[in-house]
PDB file of N, CA and C in Angstrom:
ATOM      1  N   UNK A   1      35.555 -78.973 120.926  1.00  0.00           N
ATOM      2  CA  UNK A   1      36.771 -78.756 121.688  1.00  0.00           C
ATOM      3  C   UNK A   1      37.928 -79.405 120.938  1.00  0.00           C
ATOM      4  N   UNK A   2      39.056 -78.750 120.925  1.00  0.00           N
ATOM      5  CA  UNK A   2      40.207 -79.254 120.182  1.00  0.00           C
ATOM      6  C   UNK A   2      40.918 -80.351 120.958  1.00  0.00           C
ATOM      7  N   UNK A   3      41.866 -80.986 120.285  1.00  0.00           N
ATOM      8  CA  UNK A   3      42.634 -82.057 120.930  1.00  0.00           C
ATOM      9  C   UNK A   3      43.467 -81.515 122.075  1.00  0.00           C
ATOM     10  N   UNK A   4      43.962 -80.286 121.933  1.00  0.00           N
ATOM     11  CA  UNK A   4      44.758 -79.687 123.012  1.00  0.00           C
ATOM     12  C   UNK A   4      43.890 -79.415 124.225  1.00  0.00           C
ATOM     13  N   UNK A   5      42.645 -79.052 124.003  1.00  0.00           N
ATOM     14  CA  UNK A   5      41.739 -78.769 125.113  1.00  0.00           C
ATOM     15  C   UNK A   5      41.360 -80.007 125.901  1.00  0.00           C
ATOM     16  N   UNK A   6      41.331 -81.148 125.263  1.00  0.00           N
ATOM     17  CA  UNK A   6      40.967 -82.370 125.984  1.00  0.00           C
ATOM     18  C   UNK A   6      42.173 -83.083 126.569  1.00  0.00           C
ATOM     19  N   UNK A   7      43.331 -82.919 125.980  1.00  0.00           N
ATOM     20  CA  UNK A   7      44.509 -83.635 126.469  1.00  0.00           C
ATOM     21  C   UNK A   7      45.222 -82.896 127.592  1.00  0.00           C
ATOM     22  N   UNK A   8      45.099 -81.588 127.659  1.00  0.00           N
ATOM     23  CA  UNK A   8      45.830 -80.848 128.673  1.00  0.00           C
ATOM     24  C   UNK A   8      45.350 -81.110 130.102  1.00  0.00           C
ATOM     25  N   UNK A   9      44.050 -81.248 130.377  1.00  0.00           N
ATOM     26  CA  UNK A   9      43.673 -81.622 131.748  1.00  0.00           C
ATOM     27  C   UNK A   9      44.205 -83.005 132.152  1.00  0.00           C
ATOM     28  N   UNK A  10      44.215 -83.919 131.223  1.00  0.00           N
ATOM     29  CA  UNK A  10      44.785 -85.241 131.516  1.00  0.00           C
ATOM     30  C   UNK A  10      46.281 -85.143 131.755  1.00  0.00           C
ATOM     31  N   UNK A  11      46.946 -84.252 131.037  1.00  0.00           N
ATOM     32  CA  UNK A  11      48.375 -84.041 131.223  1.00  0.00           C
ATOM     33  C   UNK A  11      48.665 -83.467 132.606  1.00  0.00           C
ATOM     34  N   UNK A  12      47.836 -82.564 133.068  1.00  0.00           N
ATOM     35  CA  UNK A  12      48.008 -81.994 134.404  1.00  0.00           C
ATOM     36  C   UNK A  12      47.842 -83.075 135.468  1.00  0.00           C
ATOM     37  N   UNK A  13      46.902 -83.964 135.276  1.00  0.00           N
ATOM     38  CA  UNK A  13      46.703 -85.068 136.228  1.00  0.00           C
ATOM     39  C   UNK A  13      47.910 -86.000 136.216  1.00  0.00           C
ATOM     40  N   UNK A  14      48.454 -86.279 135.038  1.00  0.00           N
ATOM     41  CA  UNK A  14      49.634 -87.144 134.957  1.00  0.00           C
ATOM     42  C   UNK A  14      50.841 -86.514 135.654  1.00  0.00           C
ATOM     43  N   UNK A  15      51.022 -85.218 135.448  1.00  0.00           N
ATOM     44  CA  UNK A  15      52.139 -84.532 136.105  1.00  0.00           C
ATOM     45  C   UNK A  15      51.914 -84.505 137.616  1.00  0.00           C
ATOM     46  N   UNK A  16      50.678 -84.341 138.044  1.00  0.00           N
ATOM     47  CA  UNK A  16      50.374 -84.390 139.475  1.00  0.00           C
ATOM     48  C   UNK A  16      50.639 -85.762 140.071  1.00  0.00           C
ATOM     49  N   UNK A  17      50.404 -86.804 139.307  1.00  0.00           N
ATOM     50  CA  UNK A  17      50.688 -88.157 139.787  1.00  0.00           C
ATOM     51  C   UNK A  17      52.185 -88.443 139.794  1.00  0.00           C
ATOM     52  N   UNK A  18      52.929 -87.676 139.042  1.00  0.00           N
ATOM     53  CA  UNK A  18      54.372 -87.874 138.976  1.00  0.00           C
ATOM     54  C   UNK A  18      55.094 -87.323 140.205  1.00  0.00           C
ATOM     55  N   UNK A  19      54.494 -86.369 140.891  1.00  0.00           N
ATOM     56  CA  UNK A  19      55.136 -85.740 142.052  1.00  0.00           C
ATOM     57  C   UNK A  19      55.459 -86.752 143.152  1.00  0.00           C
ATOM     58  N   UNK A  20      54.529 -87.626 143.575  1.00  0.00           N
ATOM     59  CA  UNK A  20      54.904 -88.607 144.603  1.00  0.00           C
ATOM     60  C   UNK A  20      55.974 -89.596 144.140  1.00  0.00           C
ATOM     61  N   UNK A  21      55.956 -89.928 142.865  1.00  0.00           N
ATOM     62  CA  UNK A  21      56.978 -90.846 142.351  1.00  0.00           C
ATOM     63  C   UNK A  21      58.352 -90.186 142.382  1.00  0.00           C
ATOM     64  N   UNK A  22      58.421 -88.927 142.008  1.00  0.00           N
ATOM     65  CA  UNK A  22      59.701 -88.217 142.062  1.00  0.00           C
ATOM     66  C   UNK A  22      60.174 -88.029 143.498  1.00  0.00           C
ATOM     67  N   UNK A  23      59.241 -87.784 144.407  1.00  0.00           N
ATOM     68  CA  UNK A  23      59.604 -87.662 145.817  1.00  0.00           C
ATOM     69  C   UNK A  23      60.164 -88.977 146.333  1.00  0.00           C
ATOM     70  N   UNK A  24      59.567 -90.072 145.942  1.00  0.00           N
ATOM     71  CA  UNK A  24      60.067 -91.382 146.376  1.00  0.00           C
ATOM     72  C   UNK A  24      61.434 -91.666 145.770  1.00  0.00           C
ATOM     73  N   UNK A  25      61.671 -91.208 144.542  1.00  0.00           N
ATOM     74  CA  UNK A  25      62.972 -91.445 143.916  1.00  0.00           C
ATOM     75  C   UNK A  25      64.068 -90.600 144.545  1.00  0.00           C
ATOM     76  N   UNK A  26      63.737 -89.401 144.972  1.00  0.00           N
ATOM     77  CA  UNK A  26      64.758 -88.508 145.516  1.00  0.00           C
ATOM     78  C   UNK A  26      65.023 -88.735 147.004  1.00  0.00           C
ATOM     79  N   UNK A  27      63.981 -89.067 147.740  1.00  0.00           N
ATOM     80  CA  UNK A  27      64.122 -89.260 149.179  1.00  0.00           C
ATOM     81  C   UNK A  27      63.491 -90.596 149.535  1.00  0.00           C
ATOM     82  N   UNK A  28      64.274 -91.443 150.047  1.00  0.00           N
ATOM     83  CA  UNK A  28      63.711 -92.716 150.449  1.00  0.00           C
ATOM     84  C   UNK A  28      64.755 -93.802 150.487  1.00  0.00           C
ATOM     85  N   UNK A  29      64.300 -94.930 150.926  1.00  0.00           N
ATOM     86  CA  UNK A  29      65.169 -96.090 150.966  1.00  0.00           C
ATOM     87  C   UNK A  29      65.326 -96.631 149.549  1.00  0.00           C
ATOM     88  N   UNK A  30      66.307 -97.482 149.326  1.00  0.00           N
ATOM     89  CA  UNK A  30      66.531 -97.991 147.963  1.00  0.00           C
ATOM     90  C   UNK A  30      65.319 -98.702 147.360  1.00  0.00           C
ATOM     91  N   UNK A  31      64.580 -99.445 148.158  1.00  0.00           N
ATOM     92  CA  UNK A  31      63.399-100.111 147.607  1.00  0.00           C
ATOM     93  C   UNK A  31      62.337 -99.101 147.203  1.00  0.00           C
ATOM     94  N   UNK A  32      62.195 -98.034 147.968  1.00  0.00           N
ATOM     95  CA  UNK A  32      61.255 -96.975 147.613  1.00  0.00           C
ATOM     96  C   UNK A  32      61.682 -96.227 146.371  1.00  0.00           C
ATOM     97  N   UNK A  33      62.992 -96.058 146.217  1.00  0.00           N
ATOM     98  CA  UNK A  33      63.503 -95.413 145.011  1.00  0.00           C
ATOM     99  C   UNK A  33      63.234 -96.257 143.777  1.00  0.00           C
ATOM    100  N   UNK A  34      63.369 -97.562 143.930  1.00  0.00           N
ATOM    101  CA  UNK A  34      63.070 -98.460 142.809  1.00  0.00           C
ATOM    102  C   UNK A  34      61.596 -98.385 142.448  1.00  0.00           C
ATOM    103  N   UNK A  35      60.737 -98.356 143.447  1.00  0.00           N
ATOM    104  CA  UNK A  35      59.298 -98.248 143.179  1.00  0.00           C
ATOM    105  C   UNK A  35      58.969 -96.927 142.490  1.00  0.00           C
ATOM    106  N   UNK A  36      59.606 -95.849 142.920  1.00  0.00           N
ATOM    107  CA  UNK A  36      59.388 -94.560 142.262  1.00  0.00           C
ATOM    108  C   UNK A  36      59.847 -94.569 140.820  1.00  0.00           C
ATOM    109  N   UNK A  37      60.967 -95.234 140.560  1.00  0.00           N
ATOM    110  CA  UNK A  37      61.480 -95.340 139.187  1.00  0.00           C
ATOM    111  C   UNK A  37      60.535 -96.149 138.312  1.00  0.00           C
ATOM    112  N   UNK A  38      60.010 -97.227 138.860  1.00  0.00           N
ATOM    113  CA  UNK A  38      59.101 -98.081 138.091  1.00  0.00           C
ATOM    114  C   UNK A  38      57.809 -97.342 137.767  1.00  0.00           C
ATOM    115  N   UNK A  39      57.325 -96.521 138.694  1.00  0.00           N
ATOM    116  CA  UNK A  39      56.084 -95.777 138.468  1.00  0.00           C
ATOM    117  C   UNK A  39      56.310 -94.571 137.546  1.00  0.00           C
ATOM    118  N   UNK A  40      57.456 -93.901 137.691  1.00  0.00           N
ATOM    119  CA  UNK A  40      57.688 -92.669 136.943  1.00  0.00           C
ATOM    120  C   UNK A  40      57.870 -92.904 135.447  1.00  0.00           C
ATOM    121  N   UNK A  41      58.466 -94.006 135.058  1.00  0.00           N
ATOM    122  CA  UNK A  41      58.708 -94.265 133.639  1.00  0.00           C
ATOM    123  C   UNK A  41      57.445 -94.274 132.793  1.00  0.00           C
ATOM    124  N   UNK A  42      56.471 -95.089 133.129  1.00  0.00           N
ATOM    125  CA  UNK A  42      55.232 -95.086 132.335  1.00  0.00           C
ATOM    126  C   UNK A  42      54.445 -93.776 132.436  1.00  0.00           C
ATOM    127  N   UNK A  43      54.499 -93.102 133.600  1.00  0.00           N
ATOM    128  CA  UNK A  43      53.788 -91.832 133.723  1.00  0.00           C
ATOM    129  C   UNK A  43      54.352 -90.783 132.770  1.00  0.00           C
ATOM    130  N   UNK A  44      55.653 -90.715 132.672  1.00  0.00           N
ATOM    131  CA  UNK A  44      56.264 -89.748 131.756  1.00  0.00           C
ATOM    132  C   UNK A  44      55.998 -90.154 130.305  1.00  0.00           C
ATOM    133  N   UNK A  45      56.010 -91.443 130.025  1.00  0.00           N
ATOM    134  CA  UNK A  45      55.717 -91.899 128.660  1.00  0.00           C
ATOM    135  C   UNK A  45      54.278 -91.539 128.266  1.00  0.00           C
ATOM    136  N   UNK A  46      53.337 -91.711 129.188  1.00  0.00           N
ATOM    137  CA  UNK A  46      51.943 -91.343 128.901  1.00  0.00           C
ATOM    138  C   UNK A  46      51.808 -89.827 128.762  1.00  0.00           C
ATOM    139  N   UNK A  47      52.535 -89.074 129.585  1.00  0.00           N
ATOM    140  CA  UNK A  47      52.490 -87.615 129.472  1.00  0.00           C
ATOM    141  C   UNK A  47      53.023 -87.165 128.105  1.00  0.00           C
ATOM    142  N   UNK A  48      54.088 -87.779 127.633  1.00  0.00           N
ATOM    143  CA  UNK A  48      54.604 -87.436 126.305  1.00  0.00           C
ATOM    144  C   UNK A  48      53.630 -87.836 125.195  1.00  0.00           C
ATOM    145  N   UNK A  49      52.940 -88.946 125.385  1.00  0.00           N
ATOM    146  CA  UNK A  49      51.925 -89.354 124.414  1.00  0.00           C
ATOM    147  C   UNK A  49      50.775 -88.353 124.384  1.00  0.00           C
ATOM    148  N   UNK A  50      50.381 -87.860 125.559  1.00  0.00           N
ATOM    149  CA  UNK A  50      49.329 -86.840 125.605  1.00  0.00           C
ATOM    150  C   UNK A  50      49.790 -85.536 124.952  1.00  0.00           C
ATOM    151  N   UNK A  51      51.058 -85.185 125.146  1.00  0.00           N
ATOM    152  CA  UNK A  51      51.581 -84.000 124.462  1.00  0.00           C
ATOM    153  C   UNK A  51      51.572 -84.175 122.948  1.00  0.00           C
ATOM    154  N   UNK A  52      51.895 -85.371 122.493  1.00  0.00           N
ATOM    155  CA  UNK A  52      51.863 -85.643 121.054  1.00  0.00           C
ATOM    156  C   UNK A  52      50.446 -85.507 120.512  1.00  0.00           C
ATOM    157  N   UNK A  53      49.471 -85.985 121.281  1.00  0.00           N
ATOM    158  CA  UNK A  53      48.082 -85.875 120.839  1.00  0.00           C
ATOM    159  C   UNK A  53      47.596 -84.432 120.891  1.00  0.00           C
ATOM    160  N   UNK A  54      48.012 -83.700 121.907  1.00  0.00           N
ATOM    161  CA  UNK A  54      47.525 -82.334 122.072  1.00  0.00           C
ATOM    162  C   UNK A  54      48.089 -81.390 121.021  1.00  0.00           C
ATOM    163  N   UNK A  55      49.343 -81.533 120.694  1.00  0.00           N
ATOM    164  CA  UNK A  55      49.978 -80.590 119.788  1.00  0.00           C
ATOM    165  C   UNK A  55      50.233 -81.139 118.397  1.00  0.00           C
ATOM    166  N   UNK A  56      49.838 -82.375 118.144  1.00  0.00           N
ATOM    167  CA  UNK A  56      49.995 -82.942 116.812  1.00  0.00           C
ATOM    168  C   UNK A  56      51.441 -83.150 116.413  1.00  0.00           C
ATOM    169  N   UNK A  57      52.273 -83.532 117.357  1.00  0.00           N
ATOM    170  CA  UNK A  57      53.696 -83.767 117.094  1.00  0.00           C
ATOM    171  C   UNK A  57      53.994 -85.256 117.222  1.00  0.00           C
ATOM    172  N   UNK A  58      54.059 -85.987 116.125  1.00  0.00           N
ATOM    173  CA  UNK A  58      54.305 -87.430 116.213  1.00  0.00           C
ATOM    174  C   UNK A  58      55.705 -87.784 116.692  1.00  0.00           C
ATOM    175  N   UNK A  59      56.628 -86.835 116.684  1.00  0.00           N
ATOM    176  CA  UNK A  59      57.983 -87.130 117.166  1.00  0.00           C
ATOM    177  C   UNK A  59      57.972 -87.431 118.661  1.00  0.00           C
ATOM    178  N   UNK A  60      57.023 -86.857 119.398  1.00  0.00           N
ATOM    179  CA  UNK A  60      56.928 -87.138 120.833  1.00  0.00           C
ATOM    180  C   UNK A  60      56.577 -88.604 121.090  1.00  0.00           C
ATOM    181  N   UNK A  61      55.905 -89.233 120.150  1.00  0.00           N
ATOM    182  CA  UNK A  61      55.572 -90.644 120.322  1.00  0.00           C
ATOM    183  C   UNK A  61      56.831 -91.506 120.273  1.00  0.00           C
ATOM    184  N   UNK A  62      57.771 -91.139 119.429  1.00  0.00           N
ATOM    185  CA  UNK A  62      59.046 -91.865 119.379  1.00  0.00           C
ATOM    186  C   UNK A  62      59.800 -91.718 120.688  1.00  0.00           C
ATOM    187  N   UNK A  63      59.817 -90.513 121.219  1.00  0.00           N
ATOM    188  CA  UNK A  63      60.499 -90.269 122.494  1.00  0.00           C
ATOM    189  C   UNK A  63      59.824 -91.053 123.613  1.00  0.00           C
ATOM    190  N   UNK A  64      58.496 -91.112 123.609  1.00  0.00           N
ATOM    191  CA  UNK A  64      57.772 -91.859 124.634  1.00  0.00           C
ATOM    192  C   UNK A  64      58.083 -93.352 124.555  1.00  0.00           C
ATOM    193  N   UNK A  65      58.180 -93.891 123.356  1.00  0.00           N
ATOM    194  CA  UNK A  65      58.494 -95.304 123.201  1.00  0.00           C
ATOM    195  C   UNK A  65      59.906 -95.618 123.692  1.00  0.00           C
ATOM    196  N   UNK A  66      60.864 -94.782 123.324  1.00  0.00           N
ATOM    197  CA  UNK A  66      62.246 -94.988 123.771  1.00  0.00           C
ATOM    198  C   UNK A  66      62.339 -94.854 125.282  1.00  0.00           C
ATOM    199  N   UNK A  67      61.650 -93.877 125.846  1.00  0.00           N
ATOM    200  CA  UNK A  67      61.663 -93.695 127.290  1.00  0.00           C
ATOM    201  C   UNK A  67      61.049 -94.886 128.012  1.00  0.00           C
ATOM    202  N   UNK A  68      59.967 -95.435 127.490  1.00  0.00           N
ATOM    203  CA  UNK A  68      59.347 -96.596 128.122  1.00  0.00           C
ATOM    204  C   UNK A  68      60.295 -97.797 128.116  1.00  0.00           C
ATOM    205  N   UNK A  69      60.993 -97.999 127.011  1.00  0.00           N
ATOM    206  CA  UNK A  69      61.941 -99.113 126.946  1.00  0.00           C
ATOM    207  C   UNK A  69      63.136 -98.899 127.866  1.00  0.00           C
ATOM    208  N   UNK A  70      63.653 -97.678 127.909  1.00  0.00           N
ATOM    209  CA  UNK A  70      64.810 -97.393 128.754  1.00  0.00           C
ATOM    210  C   UNK A  70      64.453 -97.413 130.236  1.00  0.00           C
ATOM    211  N   UNK A  71      63.256 -96.969 130.586  1.00  0.00           N
ATOM    212  CA  UNK A  71      62.881 -96.995 131.999  1.00  0.00           C
ATOM    213  C   UNK A  71      62.706 -98.429 132.477  1.00  0.00           C
ATOM    214  N   UNK A  72      62.200 -99.293 131.616  1.00  0.00           N
ATOM    215  CA  UNK A  72      62.088-100.708 131.987  1.00  0.00           C
ATOM    216  C   UNK A  72      63.474-101.311 132.194  1.00  0.00           C
ATOM    217  N   UNK A  73      64.388-101.040 131.273  1.00  0.00           N
ATOM    218  CA  UNK A  73      65.743-101.567 131.410  1.00  0.00           C
ATOM    219  C   UNK A  73      66.448-100.964 132.620  1.00  0.00           C
ATOM    220  N   UNK A  74      66.234 -99.686 132.878  1.00  0.00           N
ATOM    221  CA  UNK A  74      66.847 -99.042 134.032  1.00  0.00           C
ATOM    222  C   UNK A  74      66.348 -99.610 135.345  1.00  0.00           C
ATOM    223  N   UNK A  75      65.068 -99.920 135.399  1.00  0.00           N
ATOM    224  CA  UNK A  75      64.541-100.511 136.637  1.00  0.00           C
ATOM    225  C   UNK A  75      65.085-101.925 136.849  1.00  0.00           C
ATOM    226  N   UNK A  76      65.314-102.658 135.772  1.00  0.00           N
ATOM    227  CA  UNK A  76      65.913-103.987 135.923  1.00  0.00           C
ATOM    228  C   UNK A  76      67.347-103.901 136.422  1.00  0.00           C
ATOM    229  N   UNK A  77      68.101-102.937 135.904  1.00  0.00           N
ATOM    230  CA  UNK A  77      69.484-102.761 136.353  1.00  0.00           C
ATOM    231  C   UNK A  77      69.518-102.328 137.812  1.00  0.00           C
ATOM    232  N   UNK A  78      68.648-101.392 138.180  1.00  0.00           N
ATOM    233  CA  UNK A  78      68.607-100.925 139.556  1.00  0.00           C
ATOM    234  C   UNK A  78      68.187-102.056 140.493  1.00  0.00           C
ATOM    235  N   UNK A  79      67.244-102.889 140.072  1.00  0.00           N
ATOM    236  CA  UNK A  79      66.822-104.015 140.901  1.00  0.00           C
ATOM    237  C   UNK A  79      67.949-105.030 141.070  1.00  0.00           C
ATOM    238  N   UNK A  80      68.748-105.209 140.055  1.00  0.00           N
ATOM    239  CA  UNK A  80      69.866-106.126 140.169  1.00  0.00           C
ATOM    240  C   UNK A  80      70.904-105.628 141.177  1.00  0.00           C
ATOM    241  N   UNK A  81      71.239-104.340 141.101  1.00  0.00           N
ATOM    242  CA  UNK A  81      72.180-103.781 142.066  1.00  0.00           C
ATOM    243  C   UNK A  81      71.591-103.759 143.467  1.00  0.00           C
ATOM    244  N   UNK A  82      70.272-103.547 143.553  1.00  0.00           N
ATOM    245  CA  UNK A  82      69.619-103.520 144.857  1.00  0.00           C
ATOM    246  C   UNK A  82      69.623-104.908 145.495  1.00  0.00           C
ATOM    247  N   UNK A  83      69.507-105.948 144.679  1.00  0.00           N
ATOM    248  CA  UNK A  83      69.501-107.304 145.238  1.00  0.00           C
ATOM    249  C   UNK A  83      70.849-107.678 145.831  1.00  0.00           C
ATOM    250  N   UNK A  84      71.918-107.051 145.352  1.00  0.00           N
ATOM    251  CA  UNK A  84      73.245-107.337 145.911  1.00  0.00           C
ATOM    252  C   UNK A  84      73.396-106.732 147.300  1.00  0.00           C
ATOM    253  N   UNK A  85      72.730-105.615 147.557  1.00  0.00           N
ATOM    254  CA  UNK A  85      72.889-104.941 148.841  1.00  0.00           C
ATOM    255  C   UNK A  85      71.954-105.465 149.914  1.00  0.00           C
ATOM    256  N   UNK A  86      70.900-106.141 149.541  1.00  0.00           N
ATOM    257  CA  UNK A  86      69.934-106.643 150.535  1.00  0.00           C
ATOM    258  C   UNK A  86      70.288-107.997 151.065  1.00  0.00           C
TER     259      UNK A  86
END
């Protein structure tokens, strides 16, 4: 079985796990939105890593690394603004 054949089922599971996180980010209280943001960042980074493995595109790994760093920084900024309102 090729790399695309083994990585695509895992990619479908990752995208399925992303749905509740996106729902929490779009609809919910601010604390729930923060939790959705914290969960969604690594899920998308892992999904991009699986795409890189499946299709042999190492450029996706760079995008996944940048996204992981930016999602961490974004969650810290959102948590700081959230602490002012609580």
